């Protein structure tokens, strides 16, 4: 017997624990948060998020001409998600990443509505803390705009912008604060 959204018979699917909260990511994905610093081996990374910090400030970004500030986001197309998110940070904020820390990831299972993948296929969307070494001006013609905010305003704005992962955004911000207190950032 199959249920809507479940993979076809014969495919491997491990149901999440009973107390796990799942997110619908459009109609194509069902995700659950995994609180782990290591990404699973052999599972493709399809998208990444980064909270960007330098000293006691956070850096929000948005495509030029749009209204909502957010964290750095990018689709991942290759086998080097860390390199791709560092490049996205540079493109969207003008910053050079000194340290990149994985704080966890959304484990995404494709639903039967996915256009290209078979139902039950698994991919991940990590959340990173990116600590900047330096930052340069983006220029007026840049495709992105950035805004530097005090830590409390930045964390509040990111929690409001990403309500589906609000606790994870707070945890990642706390992790950055702890890194700074230890002299690691």
Protein backbone atom coordinates (compact mmCIF):
# COMPACT_ATOMS: atom_id res chain seq x y z
CA UNK A 1 0.00 0.00 0.00
CA UNK A 2 1.34 3.45 -0.87
CA UNK A 3 0.33 6.88 0.29
CA UNK A 4 0.50 10.22 -1.55
CA UNK A 5 4.03 11.62 -1.44
CA UNK A 6 5.62 8.26 -0.64
CA UNK A 7 8.13 6.72 -3.03
CA UNK A 8 7.02 3.85 -5.25
CA UNK A 9 7.14 0.27 -3.94
CA UNK A 10 10.59 -1.27 -4.05
CA UNK A 11 12.48 1.98 -3.50
CA UNK A 12 14.36 2.66 -0.30
CA UNK A 13 12.78 5.19 2.01
CA UNK A 14 13.48 5.56 5.68
CA UNK A 15 10.68 7.36 7.44
CA UNK A 16 11.73 10.15 9.83
CA UNK A 17 11.24 9.66 13.56
CA UNK A 18 7.67 10.24 14.76
CA UNK A 19 8.47 13.60 16.41
CA UNK A 20 10.22 15.03 13.33
CA UNK A 21 8.82 18.16 11.74
CA UNK A 22 8.81 18.05 7.95
CA UNK A 23 8.68 21.06 5.65
CA UNK A 24 7.09 21.23 2.24
CA UNK A 25 9.51 22.98 -0.11
CA UNK A 26 7.24 23.87 -3.01
CA UNK A 27 5.42 20.77 -4.24
CA UNK A 28 8.64 19.04 -5.25
CA UNK A 29 10.43 18.46 -1.93
CA UNK A 30 9.70 17.41 1.61
CA UNK A 31 12.51 18.37 4.00
CA UNK A 32 13.53 17.75 7.57
CA UNK A 33 16.28 19.44 9.54
CA UNK A 34 19.36 17.40 10.43
CA UNK A 35 21.51 18.98 13.14
CA UNK A 36 24.92 17.75 11.99
CA UNK A 37 28.15 19.53 11.05
CA UNK A 38 29.03 16.93 8.41
CA UNK A 39 27.13 16.57 5.16
CA UNK A 40 26.22 12.98 4.23
CA UNK A 41 28.61 11.31 1.81
CA UNK A 42 27.27 10.59 -1.65
CA UNK A 43 24.16 12.77 -1.30
CA UNK A 44 24.01 15.71 -3.72
CA UNK A 45 23.90 19.27 -2.41
CA UNK A 46 21.33 21.18 -4.46
CA UNK A 47 21.08 24.52 -2.69
CA UNK A 48 22.89 26.33 0.13
CA UNK A 49 22.29 29.16 2.57
CA UNK A 50 24.87 31.25 4.46
CA UNK A 51 24.54 33.65 7.35
CA UNK A 52 27.35 36.16 6.76
CA UNK A 53 29.20 37.88 9.62
CA UNK A 54 32.18 40.13 10.15
CA UNK A 55 33.06 41.29 13.64
CA UNK A 56 29.82 42.30 15.40
CA UNK A 57 27.76 42.77 12.23
CA UNK A 58 25.69 40.58 9.95
CA UNK A 59 25.36 41.16 6.22
CA UNK A 60 21.95 40.85 4.57
CA UNK A 61 21.69 40.67 0.80
CA UNK A 62 19.08 40.91 -1.93
CA UNK A 63 18.96 40.98 -5.71
CA UNK A 64 19.02 44.59 -6.92
CA UNK A 65 15.53 45.99 -7.30
CA UNK A 66 13.82 43.59 -4.87
CA UNK A 67 12.41 44.43 -1.46
CA UNK A 68 13.26 41.53 0.87
CA UNK A 69 16.63 41.23 2.60
CA UNK A 70 17.87 37.72 3.21
CA UNK A 71 20.93 35.57 3.73
CA UNK A 72 23.17 34.48 0.90
CA UNK A 73 21.43 31.73 -1.09
CA UNK A 74 22.55 29.86 -4.16
CA UNK A 75 21.78 26.79 -6.20
CA UNK A 76 24.67 24.32 -6.14
CA UNK A 77 25.56 22.79 -9.46
CA UNK A 78 28.77 20.85 -8.79
CA UNK A 79 30.56 18.66 -6.29
CA UNK A 80 32.12 21.55 -4.35
CA UNK A 81 29.34 23.20 -2.32
CA UNK A 82 31.80 25.01 -0.02
CA UNK A 83 33.57 26.65 -2.96
CA UNK A 84 30.25 27.58 -4.59
CA UNK A 85 28.80 29.15 -1.42
CA UNK A 86 32.05 31.09 -0.87
CA UNK A 87 31.76 32.42 -4.42
CA UNK A 88 28.10 33.32 -3.82
CA UNK A 89 29.10 35.21 -0.65
CA UNK A 90 31.69 37.13 -2.66
CA UNK A 91 29.23 37.87 -5.49
CA UNK A 92 26.35 38.90 -3.22
CA UNK A 93 28.20 40.77 -0.45
CA UNK A 94 31.66 41.62 -1.80
CA UNK A 95 33.22 39.70 1.10
CA UNK A 96 36.07 37.21 1.21
CA UNK A 97 35.30 34.23 3.44
CA UNK A 98 37.89 33.45 6.12
CA UNK A 99 35.95 30.63 7.76
CA UNK A 100 32.95 28.57 6.67
CA UNK A 101 31.12 26.36 9.18
CA UNK A 102 28.29 23.93 8.45
CA UNK A 103 25.59 24.22 11.11
CA UNK A 104 23.22 21.57 9.75
CA UNK A 105 21.15 20.85 6.69
CA UNK A 106 17.72 20.16 5.33
CA UNK A 107 17.48 16.59 4.10
CA UNK A 108 15.13 16.86 1.14
CA UNK A 109 13.18 13.95 -0.30
CA UNK A 110 11.73 14.42 -3.79
CA UNK A 111 7.96 13.99 -4.00
CA UNK A 112 6.00 12.54 -6.88
CA UNK A 113 5.53 16.14 -8.11
CA UNK A 114 9.22 16.62 -8.84
CA UNK A 115 9.74 17.39 -12.53
CA UNK A 116 13.09 15.64 -13.04
CA UNK A 117 13.83 13.34 -10.11
CA UNK A 118 12.22 10.10 -9.08
CA UNK A 119 10.09 10.25 -5.93
CA UNK A 120 12.19 9.33 -2.91
CA UNK A 121 15.44 10.76 -4.28
CA UNK A 122 17.40 12.51 -1.53
CA UNK A 123 19.37 15.77 -1.67
CA UNK A 124 20.53 18.25 0.97
CA UNK A 125 20.42 22.03 1.55
CA UNK A 126 23.08 23.06 4.09
CA UNK A 127 23.10 26.17 6.27
CA UNK A 128 26.53 27.73 6.76
CA UNK A 129 27.99 30.45 8.93
CA UNK A 130 30.39 32.46 6.77
CA UNK A 131 32.91 34.61 8.63
CA UNK A 132 34.42 37.33 6.45
CA UNK A 133 38.11 38.24 6.35
CA UNK A 134 37.50 41.41 4.34
CA UNK A 135 34.78 43.15 2.37
CA UNK A 136 34.79 45.43 -0.66
CA UNK A 137 32.24 47.76 -2.18
CA UNK A 138 29.82 46.09 -4.61
CA UNK A 139 29.37 49.15 -6.81
CA UNK A 140 26.20 50.72 -8.16
CA UNK A 141 25.82 48.34 -11.11
CA UNK A 142 26.15 45.12 -9.07
CA UNK A 143 23.34 42.56 -9.43
CA UNK A 144 23.05 42.40 -5.60
CA UNK A 145 22.75 44.89 -2.79
CA UNK A 146 23.96 44.34 0.76
CA UNK A 147 23.16 45.84 4.10
CA UNK A 148 25.27 45.72 7.24
CA UNK A 149 23.22 45.32 10.40
CA UNK A 150 23.98 45.11 14.12
CA UNK A 151 23.92 41.49 15.29
CA UNK A 152 20.53 41.65 17.06
CA UNK A 153 18.80 43.30 14.08
CA UNK A 154 20.41 40.89 11.61
CA UNK A 155 19.35 37.77 13.50
CA UNK A 156 15.84 39.14 13.97
CA UNK A 157 15.55 39.97 10.24
CA UNK A 158 16.80 36.52 9.19
CA UNK A 159 14.44 34.72 11.58
CA UNK A 160 11.53 36.72 10.18
CA UNK A 161 12.62 36.15 6.57
CA UNK A 162 13.04 32.37 7.03
CA UNK A 163 10.28 31.27 9.44
CA UNK A 164 10.51 27.64 8.32
CA UNK A 165 14.05 27.38 9.76
CA UNK A 166 13.77 30.05 12.49
CA UNK A 167 15.22 27.88 15.30
CA UNK A 168 18.14 26.84 13.10
CA UNK A 169 18.91 30.46 12.20
CA UNK A 170 18.97 31.31 15.92
CA UNK A 171 21.24 28.33 16.64
CA UNK A 172 23.63 29.33 13.84
CA UNK A 173 23.78 32.91 15.17
CA UNK A 174 24.52 31.58 18.65
CA UNK A 175 27.26 29.45 17.18
CA UNK A 176 28.88 32.52 15.63
CA UNK A 177 28.70 34.39 18.94
CA UNK A 178 30.36 31.42 20.68
CA UNK A 179 33.06 31.29 18.00
CA UNK A 180 33.79 34.99 18.56
CA UNK A 181 33.92 34.54 22.32
CA UNK A 182 36.49 31.75 21.89
CA UNK A 183 38.54 33.81 19.42
CA UNK A 184 37.75 31.42 16.54
CA UNK A 185 36.08 34.05 14.37
